[in-house]
Each structure stands twice: as structure tokens, then as C-alpha cells.
PDB file of N, CA and C in Angstrom:
ATOM      1  N   UNK A   1     326.516-121.462  60.170  1.00  0.00           N
ATOM      2  CA  UNK A   1     327.396-122.611  59.798  1.00  0.00           C
ATOM      3  C   UNK A   1     328.731-122.178  60.407  1.00  0.00           C
ATOM      4  N   UNK A   2     329.486-123.506  60.022  1.00  0.00           N
ATOM      5  CA  UNK A   2     331.042-122.917  60.644  1.00  0.00           C
ATOM      6  C   UNK A   2     331.596-122.535  60.104  1.00  0.00           C
ATOM      7  N   UNK A   3     331.376-122.034  58.663  1.00  0.00           N
ATOM      8  CA  UNK A   3     332.162-120.950  58.100  1.00  0.00           C
ATOM      9  C   UNK A   3     331.942-119.726  58.187  1.00  0.00           C
ATOM     10  N   UNK A   4     330.028-119.758  58.508  1.00  0.00           N
ATOM     11  CA  UNK A   4     330.126-118.089  59.079  1.00  0.00           C
ATOM     12  C   UNK A   4     330.846-117.694  60.163  1.00  0.00           C
ATOM     13  N   UNK A   5     330.647-118.820  61.281  1.00  0.00           N
ATOM     14  CA  UNK A   5     331.184-118.314  62.625  1.00  0.00           C
ATOM     15  C   UNK A   5     332.834-118.022  62.623  1.00  0.00           C
ATOM     16  N   UNK A   6     333.409-118.957  61.590  1.00  0.00           N
ATOM     17  CA  UNK A   6     334.980-118.317  61.363  1.00  0.00           C
ATOM     18  C   UNK A   6     335.311-117.215  60.517  1.00  0.00           C
ATOM     19  N   UNK A   7     334.131-116.921  59.994  1.00  0.00           N
ATOM     20  CA  UNK A   7     334.334-115.217  58.993  1.00  0.00           C
ATOM     21  C   UNK A   7     334.365-114.324  59.999  1.00  0.00           C
ATOM     22  N   UNK A   8     333.422-114.559  61.365  1.00  0.00           N
ATOM     23  CA  UNK A   8     332.973-113.735  62.278  1.00  0.00           C
ATOM     24  C   UNK A   8     334.054-113.373  63.215  1.00  0.00           C
ATOM     25  N   UNK A   9     334.725-114.738  63.429  1.00  0.00           N
ATOM     26  CA  UNK A   9     336.131-114.727  64.635  1.00  0.00           C
ATOM     27  C   UNK A   9     337.196-113.853  63.844  1.00  0.00           C
ATOM     28  N   UNK A  10     337.235-114.362  61.942  1.00  0.00           N
ATOM     29  CA  UNK A  10     338.340-113.358  61.724  1.00  0.00           C
ATOM     30  C   UNK A  10     338.337-111.854  61.642  1.00  0.00           C
ATOM     31  N   UNK A  11     336.715-111.908  61.752  1.00  0.00           N
ATOM     32  CA  UNK A  11     336.358-110.262  61.630  1.00  0.00           C
ATOM     33  C   UNK A  11     336.710-109.262  62.617  1.00  0.00           C
ATOM     34  N   UNK A  12     336.381-110.193  63.699  1.00  0.00           N
ATOM     35  CA  UNK A  12     336.742-109.644  65.505  1.00  0.00           C
ATOM     36  C   UNK A  12     338.192-109.613  65.469  1.00  0.00           C
ATOM     37  N   UNK A  13     339.076-110.709  64.698  1.00  0.00           N
ATOM     38  CA  UNK A  13     340.374-110.298  65.419  1.00  0.00           C
ATOM     39  C   UNK A  13     340.711-109.113  64.175  1.00  0.00           C
ATOM     40  N   UNK A  14     340.505-108.841  62.935  1.00  0.00           N
ATOM     41  CA  UNK A  14     340.642-107.890  62.209  1.00  0.00           C
ATOM     42  C   UNK A  14     340.316-106.437  62.655  1.00  0.00           C
ATOM     43  N   UNK A  15     339.044-106.382  63.258  1.00  0.00           N
ATOM     44  CA  UNK A  15     338.657-105.393  64.105  1.00  0.00           C
ATOM     45  C   UNK A  15     339.384-105.087  65.001  1.00  0.00           C
ATOM     46  N   UNK A  16     339.840-105.907  65.804  1.00  0.00           N
ATOM     47  CA  UNK A  16     340.889-105.637  67.050  1.00  0.00           C
ATOM     48  C   UNK A  16     342.456-104.864  66.704  1.00  0.00           C
ATOM     49  N   UNK A  17     342.465-105.780  65.562  1.00  0.00           N
ATOM     50  CA  UNK A  17     344.008-105.097  65.302  1.00  0.00           C
ATOM     51  C   UNK A  17     344.078-104.218  64.024  1.00  0.00           C
ATOM     52  N   UNK A  18     343.164-104.165  63.244  1.00  0.00           N
ATOM     53  CA  UNK A  18     343.011-102.849  62.301  1.00  0.00           C
ATOM     54  C   UNK A  18     341.607-102.455  62.387  1.00  0.00           C
ATOM     55  N   UNK A  19     341.165-101.395  63.259  1.00  0.00           N
ATOM     56  CA  UNK A  19     339.919-100.876  63.206  1.00  0.00           C
ATOM     57  C   UNK A  19     339.397-100.355  61.932  1.00  0.00           C
ATOM     58  N   UNK A  20     339.762 -99.536  61.604  1.00  0.00           N
ATOM     59  CA  UNK A  20     339.468 -98.869  60.507  1.00  0.00           C
ATOM     60  C   UNK A  20     339.796 -99.434  59.124  1.00  0.00           C
ATOM     61  N   UNK A  21     340.713-100.301  58.998  1.00  0.00           N
ATOM     62  CA  UNK A  21     340.847-101.014  57.643  1.00  0.00           C
ATOM     63  C   UNK A  21     339.736-102.313  57.540  1.00  0.00           C
ATOM     64  N   UNK A  22     339.588-102.852  59.225  1.00  0.00           N
ATOM     65  CA  UNK A  22     338.292-103.582  59.250  1.00  0.00           C
ATOM     66  C   UNK A  22     337.059-103.358  58.787  1.00  0.00           C
ATOM     67  N   UNK A  23     336.464-101.966  59.474  1.00  0.00           N
ATOM     68  CA  UNK A  23     335.629-101.299  58.982  1.00  0.00           C
ATOM     69  C   UNK A  23     335.557-101.305  57.451  1.00  0.00           C
ATOM     70  N   UNK A  24     335.827-100.917  56.746  1.00  0.00           N
ATOM     71  CA  UNK A  24     336.186-100.462  55.387  1.00  0.00           C
ATOM     72  C   UNK A  24     335.790-102.023  54.783  1.00  0.00           C
ATOM     73  N   UNK A  25     336.801-103.162  55.015  1.00  0.00           N
ATOM     74  CA  UNK A  25     336.341-104.681  54.281  1.00  0.00           C
ATOM     75  C   UNK A  25     335.127-104.648  55.085  1.00  0.00           C
ATOM     76  N   UNK A  26     334.526-104.783  55.896  1.00  0.00           N
ATOM     77  CA  UNK A  26     332.980-105.183  56.500  1.00  0.00           C
ATOM     78  C   UNK A  26     332.297-104.620  55.342  1.00  0.00           C
ATOM     79  N   UNK A  27     332.472-103.281  55.078  1.00  0.00           N
ATOM     80  CA  UNK A  27     331.291-102.521  54.244  1.00  0.00           C
ATOM     81  C   UNK A  27     331.485-102.869  52.859  1.00  0.00           C
ATOM     82  N   UNK A  28     332.641-103.645  52.571  1.00  0.00           N
ATOM     83  CA  UNK A  28     332.414-104.078  50.913  1.00  0.00           C
ATOM     84  C   UNK A  28     332.115-104.953  51.154  1.00  0.00           C
ATOM     85  N   UNK A  29     332.039-106.094  52.083  1.00  0.00           N
ATOM     86  CA  UNK A  29     331.578-107.159  52.024  1.00  0.00           C
ATOM     87  C   UNK A  29     329.961-107.094  52.089  1.00  0.00           C
ATOM     88  N   UNK A  30     329.179-106.356  53.258  1.00  0.00           N
ATOM     89  CA  UNK A  30     327.865-105.973  53.647  1.00  0.00           C
ATOM     90  C   UNK A  30     327.397-105.599  51.898  1.00  0.00           C
ATOM     91  N   UNK A  31     328.084-104.753  51.210  1.00  0.00           N
ATOM     92  CA  UNK A  31     327.614-104.226  49.879  1.00  0.00           C
ATOM     93  C   UNK A  31     327.479-105.251  49.073  1.00  0.00           C
TER      94      UNK A  31
END
């Protein structure tokens, strides 16, 4: 969906700018 694509895009930006925090953020979402 467009929403999922948006989230993935934001996630990529986070991973580029704040790798460690983005990993923790992703982990909390997956769980």
C-alpha cells in the first residue's frame, strides 16, 4: 500500500542518518 511504501521510505532515511537508533526503532516495530 502507499502507507507501507511511505514507512519504508522513512525507514531508509532513518537508517542513513541514524543507523543505531533506526535499528532499535525497527526492532520495536517488528516486535
